[in-house]
Amino acid sequence: MIRKLIQRVFSRPSRKRHRALVIPFEQHGIERERISHCARRTTAGLQEAGFQAFVVGGAVRDLLLELEPKDFDVATDATPEQVRAVFRRSRIIGRRFRLVHVLCGSDTVEVSTFRAMASEGEAEHLRDEHGRILRDNVFGTQEEDALRRDFTINALFYNPATQEIHDFTDGVADLRRRVIRIIGDPEQRYREDPVRMLRAVRLAVKVGGEIEPKTRAPIRRLAALVQNVPPARVFEEMLKLLLSGHAAESVLKLRAEGLHHGLLPMLDVILEQPLGERFVMLALEKTDARVQEDKPVSPGFLFAALLWHEVLAAWKGNEAQALKPTPALQKAMDDVVAAQVEKLAIPRRFTTDMKDLWALQPRLLNRSGRRPYRLLEHPRFRAALDFLDLRCQSGEVDQEVAKWWQTFKEASEETRQRMLLPERAGGRRKRRRRKPSADSGEPMTAGS
């Protein structure tokens, strides 16, 4: 054990000391009241127990941008076991990166222990053959924790007790200049976690800025490393990007940086087809508008829109192989979802929504008989109609179809009856008439 300790101390690379720039409240203007009650309670509890504790990362960045953070994370010099001992309602989670969830009513704050970069000897056992970090539980100091974070604008520490920001990497200056700059050697940091390349794009769009040239340089060359990341992590990052309120711009920037391959299959091809590009961009723009207006957004609807032209192409291909329309569509949906799940691990609850929306599209084109009435009662009708409306706006389906449905769902029964289209010849099976008995009183038809 002593030998391991000596090896760890002497093998850790010497680093230039970074003294924190302490920014007082008068310069940044973030009041402690803007921090969630649970995060304030967590930092106060740790500090009272004799530990350091700060609100860290994206929450501090968003507050400086005058945005409302979605969540508040806390970093401390207490180990997970020590954090667990301070808070009765808490639990330790994770293996690759051990964290503590502190619970306050329905609110949860994620607490991480200050981490340090692994030494060369340790790194051999903590990384895969591509350099990706598999486990990250080497504890360190606040300075080391700042330097192992991804981008300078995410390495900011806020102390609610003093209302001061601790900045080890000039992150505040980069944020003011709207520059995304990675901490350390870009290639090494991307190899450690390829998801950082996706995050660089998302953050650049979010802050309305640019990726710093050295940070951007290796991205296109290393883009294929994203395929080595577990699909669940890629899905999580893509969902953040698509629900950021800047999805349309982010997807175009992903393509510009060469990061779209393997994430959404054939997205580059879809965006080069007039109808496909118009449809996808309309879906993303409408999603962005809803996010910015603080309205709910369905991930299932969004992924259904992004992959619709894949389904459409596969559907036509199956029909060309003599499959009937309904089985052809079902096979197309299954094949596209199966291919996508391998890369993004889309949860079943979303793929179920996607298939429902796709399966209802041909049914919405049939406006005769009792079919429209049955569709009105379908639990996914409104979402399917919104999806159809996107298809009409992009030019894939005649605008008249969406207008017909908008009128039909609001119309009186009398108006609905007049709106129904005549049955297509051969489109409805005739019921076989019951053969009347001799004493039933019913007329006997010819041939009975």
Protein backbone atom coordinates (compact mmCIF):
# COMPACT_ATOMS: atom_id res chain seq x y z
CA MET A 1 0.00 0.00 0.00
CA ILE A 2 2.88 2.38 0.90
CA ARG A 3 4.56 1.56 -2.43
CA LYS A 4 1.35 2.41 -4.30
CA LEU A 5 1.03 5.70 -2.42
CA ILE A 6 4.64 6.68 -3.22
CA GLN A 7 4.15 5.73 -6.89
CA ARG A 8 0.96 7.77 -7.05
CA VAL A 9 2.57 10.87 -5.52
CA PHE A 10 5.73 10.78 -7.61
CA SER A 11 4.17 9.62 -10.89
CA ARG A 12 1.52 12.34 -10.96
CA PRO A 13 2.69 14.89 -13.52
CA SER A 14 3.80 18.23 -12.11
CA ARG A 15 1.41 20.99 -13.04
CA LYS A 16 1.67 24.71 -13.13
CA ARG A 17 -0.17 26.14 -10.16
CA HIS A 18 -3.34 28.03 -11.07
CA ARG A 19 -4.40 30.49 -8.45
CA ALA A 20 -8.12 31.10 -8.46
CA LEU A 21 -9.37 34.48 -9.55
CA VAL A 22 -11.92 35.34 -6.85
CA ILE A 23 -14.69 37.49 -8.35
CA PRO A 24 -16.81 39.35 -5.78
CA PHE A 25 -20.57 39.84 -5.97
CA GLU A 26 -20.15 43.47 -7.06
CA GLN A 27 -18.55 42.29 -10.32
CA HIS A 28 -20.76 39.32 -11.25
CA GLY A 29 -24.11 40.22 -9.62
CA ILE A 30 -25.34 36.67 -8.87
CA GLU A 31 -27.39 36.79 -5.67
CA ARG A 32 -27.46 33.68 -3.48
CA GLU A 33 -31.28 33.72 -3.68
CA ARG A 34 -30.98 32.67 -7.34
CA ILE A 35 -29.50 29.37 -6.18
CA SER A 36 -32.10 26.69 -5.44
CA HIS A 37 -33.03 26.14 -1.79
CA CYS A 38 -31.75 22.54 -1.94
CA ALA A 39 -28.35 23.58 -3.36
CA ARG A 40 -27.98 26.32 -0.70
CA ARG A 41 -28.92 23.85 2.02
CA THR A 42 -26.40 21.32 0.67
CA THR A 43 -23.46 23.73 0.49
CA ALA A 44 -24.32 25.17 3.94
CA GLY A 45 -24.54 21.69 5.49
CA LEU A 46 -21.14 20.65 4.11
CA GLN A 47 -19.50 23.92 5.12
CA GLU A 48 -20.89 23.63 8.66
CA ALA A 49 -19.37 20.13 8.81
CA GLY A 50 -15.94 21.63 7.99
CA PHE A 51 -15.78 20.93 4.25
CA GLN A 52 -15.47 23.15 1.20
CA ALA A 53 -18.60 23.26 -0.95
CA PHE A 54 -19.51 25.21 -4.09
CA VAL A 55 -22.25 25.34 -6.71
CA VAL A 56 -20.33 24.41 -9.85
CA GLY A 57 -20.42 24.09 -13.62
CA GLY A 58 -23.36 24.77 -15.91
CA ALA A 59 -25.51 26.45 -13.26
CA VAL A 60 -22.91 29.17 -12.67
CA ARG A 61 -22.44 29.58 -16.42
CA ASP A 62 -26.18 29.96 -17.02
CA LEU A 63 -26.61 32.45 -14.16
CA LEU A 64 -23.86 34.61 -15.70
CA LEU A 65 -25.76 34.42 -19.01
CA GLU A 66 -28.98 35.53 -17.23
CA LEU A 67 -30.54 32.12 -17.92
CA GLU A 68 -32.48 29.95 -15.47
CA PRO A 69 -30.43 26.80 -14.69
CA LYS A 70 -32.26 23.48 -15.06
CA ASP A 71 -30.39 22.02 -12.10
CA PHE A 72 -27.69 22.88 -9.57
CA ASP A 73 -24.66 20.65 -8.97
CA VAL A 74 -22.36 20.92 -5.94
CA ALA A 75 -18.63 20.10 -5.70
CA THR A 76 -16.86 19.49 -2.40
CA ASP A 77 -13.65 18.15 -0.84
CA ALA A 78 -15.72 15.66 1.17
CA THR A 79 -15.65 12.05 -0.03
CA PRO A 80 -18.95 10.41 -1.07
CA GLU A 81 -19.04 8.57 2.28
CA GLN A 82 -18.51 11.83 4.19
CA VAL A 83 -21.26 13.57 2.21
CA ARG A 84 -23.55 10.63 2.91
CA ALA A 85 -22.82 10.98 6.65
CA VAL A 86 -23.78 14.69 6.64
CA PHE A 87 -27.17 14.23 4.94
CA ARG A 88 -29.62 11.61 6.17
CA ARG A 89 -31.65 11.76 2.95
CA SER A 90 -28.90 10.98 0.44
CA ARG A 91 -27.56 8.06 -1.56
CA ILE A 92 -24.28 7.20 -3.32
CA ILE A 93 -24.65 6.37 -7.01
CA GLY A 94 -22.40 5.54 -9.99
CA ARG A 95 -19.38 3.36 -10.64
CA ARG A 96 -17.39 5.18 -13.32
CA PHE A 97 -17.95 8.44 -11.45
CA ARG A 98 -19.19 8.08 -7.84
CA LEU A 99 -21.64 10.81 -6.82
CA VAL A 100 -24.06 11.53 -4.02
CA HIS A 101 -27.68 12.55 -4.55
CA VAL A 102 -28.90 14.77 -1.71
CA LEU A 103 -32.70 14.87 -1.47
CA CYS A 104 -34.74 17.86 -0.31
CA GLY A 105 -38.42 17.06 -0.69
CA SER A 106 -38.96 16.51 -4.41
CA ASP A 107 -35.70 18.31 -5.29
CA THR A 108 -32.36 16.52 -5.80
CA VAL A 109 -28.86 17.99 -5.83
CA GLU A 110 -25.94 16.04 -7.28
CA VAL A 111 -22.77 16.29 -5.17
CA SER A 112 -19.36 15.31 -6.57
CA THR A 113 -16.02 15.09 -4.78
CA PHE A 114 -13.19 17.22 -6.21
CA ARG A 115 -11.44 15.07 -8.84
CA ALA A 116 -7.84 15.07 -10.09
CA MET A 117 -6.27 13.89 -13.33
CA ALA A 118 -4.99 10.32 -13.06
CA SER A 119 -1.22 9.77 -13.10
CA GLU A 120 0.39 8.01 -16.05
CA GLY A 121 0.55 4.72 -14.13
CA GLU A 122 -3.08 4.97 -13.06
CA ALA A 123 -4.28 6.09 -16.48
CA GLU A 124 -3.28 2.76 -18.07
CA HIS A 125 -5.88 0.99 -15.96
CA LEU A 126 -8.56 3.71 -16.16
CA ARG A 127 -8.71 4.22 -19.95
CA ASP A 128 -9.58 2.07 -22.97
CA GLU A 129 -7.40 1.62 -26.06
CA HIS A 130 -8.71 4.89 -27.56
CA GLY A 131 -7.92 6.94 -24.43
CA ARG A 132 -11.53 7.12 -23.17
CA ILE A 133 -11.78 7.31 -19.37
CA LEU A 134 -13.61 4.27 -17.99
CA ARG A 135 -13.40 5.13 -14.28
CA ASP A 136 -12.87 8.56 -12.73
CA ASN A 137 -12.64 8.37 -8.94
CA VAL A 138 -9.21 9.90 -8.31
CA PHE A 139 -9.95 12.55 -5.70
CA GLY A 140 -8.04 15.85 -5.60
CA THR A 141 -8.14 19.54 -4.74
CA GLN A 142 -10.45 22.29 -5.93
CA GLU A 143 -7.76 23.50 -8.36
CA GLU A 144 -7.26 19.98 -9.77
CA ASP A 145 -11.02 19.59 -10.09
CA ALA A 146 -11.25 22.81 -12.11
CA LEU A 147 -8.45 21.72 -14.46
CA ARG A 148 -9.98 18.30 -15.18
CA ARG A 149 -13.35 19.77 -16.23
CA ASP A 150 -14.14 20.02 -19.93
CA PHE A 151 -14.45 23.70 -20.91
CA THR A 152 -13.37 26.86 -19.15
CA ILE A 153 -16.92 28.20 -18.95
CA ASN A 154 -17.93 25.03 -17.07
CA ALA A 155 -15.10 25.26 -14.52
CA LEU A 156 -16.59 28.03 -12.38
CA PHE A 157 -17.29 27.66 -8.63
CA TYR A 158 -19.86 29.78 -6.77
CA ASN A 159 -19.93 30.01 -2.98
CA PRO A 160 -23.45 30.94 -1.79
CA ALA A 161 -22.11 31.87 1.66
CA THR A 162 -19.79 34.60 0.34
CA GLN A 163 -21.46 35.16 -3.06
CA GLU A 164 -18.03 34.86 -4.71
CA ILE A 165 -17.02 33.05 -7.92
CA HIS A 166 -13.72 31.11 -8.00
CA ASP A 167 -12.29 31.00 -11.53
CA PHE A 168 -9.11 28.97 -12.18
CA THR A 169 -9.22 28.97 -16.02
CA ASP A 170 -10.39 32.44 -17.11
CA GLY A 171 -13.82 30.98 -17.76
CA VAL A 172 -15.64 34.22 -16.96
CA ALA A 173 -13.53 36.09 -19.52
CA ASP A 174 -14.21 33.39 -22.14
CA LEU A 175 -17.93 33.56 -21.39
CA ARG A 176 -17.94 37.32 -21.88
CA ARG A 177 -16.18 36.84 -25.22
CA ARG A 178 -18.56 33.96 -26.10
CA VAL A 179 -15.64 31.56 -26.70
CA ILE A 180 -15.75 27.79 -26.07
CA ARG A 181 -12.24 26.74 -25.02
CA ILE A 182 -11.31 23.28 -23.79
CA ILE A 183 -9.06 22.91 -20.74
CA GLY A 184 -5.79 21.17 -21.58
CA ASP A 185 -4.73 19.42 -24.79
CA PRO A 186 -7.81 19.19 -27.08
CA GLU A 187 -6.98 15.81 -28.63
CA GLN A 188 -6.27 14.15 -25.28
CA ARG A 189 -9.41 15.61 -23.70
CA TYR A 190 -11.60 14.43 -26.62
CA ARG A 191 -10.08 10.97 -26.45
CA GLU A 192 -10.83 10.85 -22.71
CA ASP A 193 -14.49 11.62 -23.44
CA PRO A 194 -15.58 11.95 -27.11
CA VAL A 195 -18.96 13.36 -25.99
CA ARG A 196 -17.07 16.61 -25.33
CA MET A 197 -17.04 17.20 -29.10
CA LEU A 198 -20.85 17.17 -29.18
CA ARG A 199 -20.92 19.37 -26.09
CA ALA A 200 -18.60 21.93 -27.70
CA VAL A 201 -21.08 22.36 -30.55
CA ARG A 202 -24.07 22.62 -28.20
CA LEU A 203 -22.38 25.18 -25.95
CA ALA A 204 -21.15 27.31 -28.86
CA VAL A 205 -24.71 27.60 -30.16
CA LYS A 206 -26.14 28.13 -26.67
CA VAL A 207 -23.86 31.08 -25.79
CA GLY A 208 -24.11 32.50 -29.31
CA GLY A 209 -20.37 32.23 -29.86
CA GLU A 210 -17.66 30.17 -31.51
CA ILE A 211 -15.41 27.24 -30.70
CA GLU A 212 -11.85 28.47 -30.11
CA PRO A 213 -9.63 27.42 -33.10
CA LYS A 214 -7.34 25.03 -31.18
CA THR A 215 -10.38 23.47 -29.48
CA ARG A 216 -12.08 23.00 -32.84
CA ALA A 217 -9.08 21.75 -34.85
CA PRO A 218 -9.14 17.98 -33.97
CA ILE A 219 -12.94 17.53 -33.99
CA ARG A 220 -13.46 16.42 -37.58
CA ARG A 221 -10.49 14.05 -37.40
CA LEU A 222 -11.65 12.46 -34.11
CA ALA A 223 -15.40 12.48 -34.81
CA ALA A 224 -15.51 8.69 -35.27
CA LEU A 225 -14.57 8.22 -31.59
CA VAL A 226 -18.16 9.08 -30.66
CA GLN A 227 -19.06 5.59 -31.88
CA ASN A 228 -17.07 4.12 -28.95
CA VAL A 229 -19.24 5.90 -26.37
CA PRO A 230 -22.08 3.91 -24.75
CA PRO A 231 -25.31 4.67 -26.71
CA ALA A 232 -27.12 5.83 -23.56
CA ARG A 233 -24.59 8.64 -23.02
CA VAL A 234 -24.79 9.72 -26.66
CA PHE A 235 -28.59 9.79 -26.43
CA GLU A 236 -28.43 11.92 -23.27
CA GLU A 237 -26.17 14.48 -24.94
CA MET A 238 -28.20 14.52 -28.16
CA LEU A 239 -31.40 15.05 -26.18
CA LYS A 240 -29.84 18.04 -24.42
CA LEU A 241 -28.83 19.43 -27.80
CA LEU A 242 -32.22 18.88 -29.42
CA LEU A 243 -34.12 20.35 -26.45
CA SER A 244 -31.75 23.28 -25.96
CA GLY A 245 -33.99 25.77 -27.75
CA HIS A 246 -31.35 26.00 -30.51
CA ALA A 247 -31.79 22.58 -32.14
CA ALA A 248 -32.04 23.81 -35.74
CA GLU A 249 -28.76 25.70 -35.56
CA SER A 250 -27.10 22.91 -33.55
CA VAL A 251 -27.91 20.19 -36.10
CA LEU A 252 -26.47 22.29 -38.93
CA LYS A 253 -23.35 22.92 -36.84
CA LEU A 254 -23.03 19.20 -36.09
CA ARG A 255 -22.98 18.56 -39.82
CA ALA A 256 -20.47 21.37 -40.39
CA GLU A 257 -18.12 19.79 -37.83
CA GLY A 258 -18.58 16.26 -39.25
CA LEU A 259 -20.28 14.98 -36.09
CA HIS A 260 -23.60 13.82 -37.55
CA HIS A 261 -22.43 10.46 -38.98
CA GLY A 262 -23.75 7.57 -36.91
CA LEU A 263 -25.81 9.78 -34.58
CA LEU A 264 -28.92 10.15 -36.72
CA PRO A 265 -28.37 7.78 -39.65
CA MET A 266 -28.40 9.43 -43.05
CA LEU A 267 -29.05 12.86 -41.51
CA ASP A 268 -26.53 14.34 -43.94
CA VAL A 269 -28.42 12.79 -46.87
CA ILE A 270 -31.81 13.86 -45.51
CA LEU A 271 -30.62 17.45 -45.17
CA GLU A 272 -29.47 17.45 -48.77
CA GLN A 273 -32.92 16.50 -50.10
CA PRO A 274 -35.27 19.48 -50.60
CA LEU A 275 -38.33 17.87 -48.97
CA GLY A 276 -36.29 16.17 -46.25
CA GLU A 277 -34.39 19.30 -45.27
CA ARG A 278 -37.55 21.42 -45.24
CA PHE A 279 -39.37 18.87 -43.07
CA VAL A 280 -36.52 18.37 -40.56
CA MET A 281 -35.78 22.09 -40.20
CA LEU A 282 -39.48 22.88 -39.72
CA ALA A 283 -39.67 20.27 -36.94
CA LEU A 284 -36.56 21.64 -35.24
CA GLU A 285 -37.67 25.27 -35.55
CA LYS A 286 -41.08 24.47 -34.05
CA THR A 287 -39.36 22.57 -31.22
CA ASP A 288 -37.07 25.53 -30.57
CA ALA A 289 -40.06 27.89 -30.45
CA ARG A 290 -41.84 25.68 -27.89
CA VAL A 291 -38.73 25.40 -25.70
CA GLN A 292 -38.18 29.16 -25.78
CA GLU A 293 -41.83 29.72 -24.85
CA ASP A 294 -41.41 27.24 -21.97
CA LYS A 295 -43.98 24.85 -23.47
CA PRO A 296 -43.71 21.05 -23.14
CA VAL A 297 -41.86 19.17 -25.88
CA SER A 298 -42.16 15.47 -26.73
CA PRO A 299 -38.81 13.78 -27.48
CA GLY A 300 -40.74 10.97 -29.20
CA PHE A 301 -42.34 13.46 -31.60
CA LEU A 302 -38.98 15.09 -32.30
CA PHE A 303 -37.16 11.83 -33.09
CA ALA A 304 -40.14 10.68 -35.17
CA ALA A 305 -39.75 13.82 -37.26
CA LEU A 306 -35.98 13.47 -37.63
CA LEU A 307 -36.28 9.88 -38.82
CA TRP A 308 -39.50 10.14 -40.86
CA HIS A 309 -37.80 10.32 -44.25
CA GLU A 310 -35.78 7.22 -43.36
CA VAL A 311 -39.06 5.42 -42.67
CA LEU A 312 -40.63 6.83 -45.83
CA ALA A 313 -37.76 5.61 -48.02
CA ALA A 314 -37.76 2.14 -46.41
CA TRP A 315 -41.56 1.96 -46.74
CA LYS A 316 -41.44 2.65 -50.46
CA GLY A 317 -38.61 0.16 -50.86
CA ASN A 318 -40.62 -2.55 -49.11
CA GLU A 319 -43.66 -1.87 -51.29
CA ALA A 320 -41.44 -2.15 -54.36
CA GLN A 321 -40.66 -5.67 -53.18
CA ALA A 322 -44.38 -6.56 -53.39
CA LEU A 323 -45.21 -6.08 -49.69
CA LYS A 324 -48.68 -4.68 -48.98
CA PRO A 325 -48.73 -1.09 -47.63
CA THR A 326 -49.40 -1.85 -43.95
CA PRO A 327 -46.84 -4.67 -43.52
CA ALA A 328 -44.38 -2.61 -45.60
CA LEU A 329 -44.75 0.34 -43.22
CA GLN A 330 -44.47 -1.87 -40.14
CA LYS A 331 -41.25 -3.44 -41.41
CA ALA A 332 -39.83 -0.01 -42.30
CA MET A 333 -40.56 1.31 -38.79
CA ASP A 334 -38.99 -1.72 -37.12
CA ASP A 335 -35.85 -1.57 -39.28
CA VAL A 336 -35.27 2.17 -38.81
CA VAL A 337 -35.80 2.02 -35.04
CA ALA A 338 -33.52 -1.02 -34.71
CA ALA A 339 -30.72 0.74 -36.61
CA GLN A 340 -31.15 3.90 -34.55
CA VAL A 341 -31.28 2.25 -31.14
CA GLU A 342 -27.84 0.72 -31.74
CA LYS A 343 -26.34 4.22 -31.94
CA LEU A 344 -28.49 6.31 -29.62
CA ALA A 345 -30.23 3.90 -27.24
CA ILE A 346 -33.56 5.68 -27.61
CA PRO A 347 -35.74 4.46 -24.70
CA ARG A 348 -38.70 2.23 -25.50
CA ARG A 349 -41.20 4.83 -24.25
CA PHE A 350 -40.02 7.17 -27.03
CA THR A 351 -39.81 4.55 -29.80
CA THR A 352 -43.39 3.51 -28.98
CA ASP A 353 -44.55 7.12 -29.46
CA MET A 354 -42.57 7.35 -32.70
CA LYS A 355 -44.18 4.23 -34.17
CA ASP A 356 -47.66 5.41 -33.17
CA LEU A 357 -47.14 8.71 -35.00
CA TRP A 358 -45.78 7.00 -38.11
CA ALA A 359 -48.52 4.34 -38.20
CA LEU A 360 -51.27 6.99 -38.03
CA GLN A 361 -50.02 8.94 -41.04
CA PRO A 362 -51.58 6.75 -43.79
CA ARG A 363 -54.79 6.52 -41.75
CA LEU A 364 -55.07 10.32 -41.73
CA LEU A 365 -55.18 10.29 -45.52
CA ASN A 366 -58.33 8.16 -45.54
CA ARG A 367 -61.26 10.50 -44.88
CA SER A 368 -64.28 8.33 -45.73
CA GLY A 369 -66.79 6.28 -43.78
CA ARG A 370 -66.35 5.90 -40.01
CA ARG A 371 -62.55 6.03 -40.12
CA PRO A 372 -62.18 9.76 -39.31
CA TYR A 373 -64.48 9.35 -36.29
CA ARG A 374 -62.36 6.49 -34.95
CA LEU A 375 -59.18 8.55 -35.40
CA LEU A 376 -60.63 11.44 -33.39
CA GLU A 377 -60.83 9.09 -30.41
CA HIS A 378 -57.23 7.83 -30.75
CA PRO A 379 -55.04 8.98 -27.80
CA ARG A 380 -52.26 10.05 -30.21
CA PHE A 381 -54.57 11.87 -32.64
CA ARG A 382 -53.49 15.44 -31.79
CA ALA A 383 -49.79 14.63 -32.02
CA ALA A 384 -50.33 12.72 -35.28
CA LEU A 385 -52.24 15.68 -36.70
CA ASP A 386 -49.38 18.03 -35.74
CA PHE A 387 -47.03 15.63 -37.51
CA LEU A 388 -49.27 15.64 -40.60
CA ASP A 389 -49.30 19.45 -40.50
CA LEU A 390 -45.48 19.43 -40.70
CA ARG A 391 -45.67 17.15 -43.73
CA CYS A 392 -48.14 19.54 -45.39
CA GLN A 393 -46.03 22.62 -44.63
CA SER A 394 -42.93 20.96 -46.08
CA GLY A 395 -44.77 20.16 -49.32
CA GLU A 396 -44.84 16.38 -48.87
CA VAL A 397 -48.68 16.28 -48.52
CA ASP A 398 -51.29 18.65 -49.95
CA GLN A 399 -52.11 21.49 -47.52
CA GLU A 400 -55.80 20.77 -48.06
CA VAL A 401 -55.52 17.54 -46.01
CA ALA A 402 -54.38 19.29 -42.81
CA LYS A 403 -57.02 22.01 -43.29
CA TRP A 404 -59.71 19.34 -43.73
CA TRP A 405 -58.77 17.71 -40.41
CA GLN A 406 -58.61 21.03 -38.55
CA THR A 407 -62.13 21.81 -39.74
CA PHE A 408 -63.47 18.28 -39.19
CA LYS A 409 -62.39 18.01 -35.56
CA GLU A 410 -64.19 21.28 -34.68
CA ALA A 411 -67.27 20.84 -36.91
CA SER A 412 -70.82 19.87 -36.00
CA GLU A 413 -72.08 16.38 -36.77
CA GLU A 414 -74.06 17.67 -39.75
CA THR A 415 -71.01 19.41 -41.21
CA ARG A 416 -68.85 16.34 -40.64
CA GLN A 417 -71.27 14.17 -42.58
CA ARG A 418 -71.07 16.54 -45.55
CA MET A 419 -67.25 16.63 -45.35
CA LEU A 420 -66.73 12.86 -45.56
CA LEU A 421 -65.25 11.74 -48.86
CA PRO A 422 -66.94 9.02 -50.91
CA GLU A 423 -65.65 5.49 -50.52
CA ARG A 424 -63.04 4.52 -53.07
CA ALA A 425 -64.06 1.83 -55.51
CA GLY A 426 -63.08 -1.50 -54.08
CA GLY A 427 -61.80 0.19 -50.96
CA ARG A 428 -64.48 -1.16 -48.65
CA ARG A 429 -65.42 -4.77 -48.31
CA LYS A 430 -69.10 -5.48 -48.75
CA ARG A 431 -70.74 -7.32 -45.94
CA ARG A 432 -72.04 -10.75 -46.87
CA ARG A 433 -75.82 -10.74 -46.46
CA ARG A 434 -77.40 -13.36 -44.25
CA LYS A 435 -79.44 -15.83 -46.27
CA PRO A 436 -83.08 -15.41 -45.25
CA SER A 437 -85.09 -18.41 -44.16
CA ALA A 438 -88.33 -19.41 -45.88
CA ASP A 439 -90.47 -18.41 -42.90
CA SER A 440 -88.64 -15.25 -41.88
CA GLY A 441 -90.82 -12.92 -43.86
CA GLU A 442 -87.76 -11.43 -45.58
CA PRO A 443 -87.77 -11.20 -49.35
CA MET A 444 -85.76 -13.82 -51.17
CA THR A 445 -83.25 -12.25 -53.55
CA ALA A 446 -82.26 -13.70 -56.87
CA GLY A 447 -79.56 -16.24 -56.42
CA SER A 448 -80.40 -16.87 -52.76
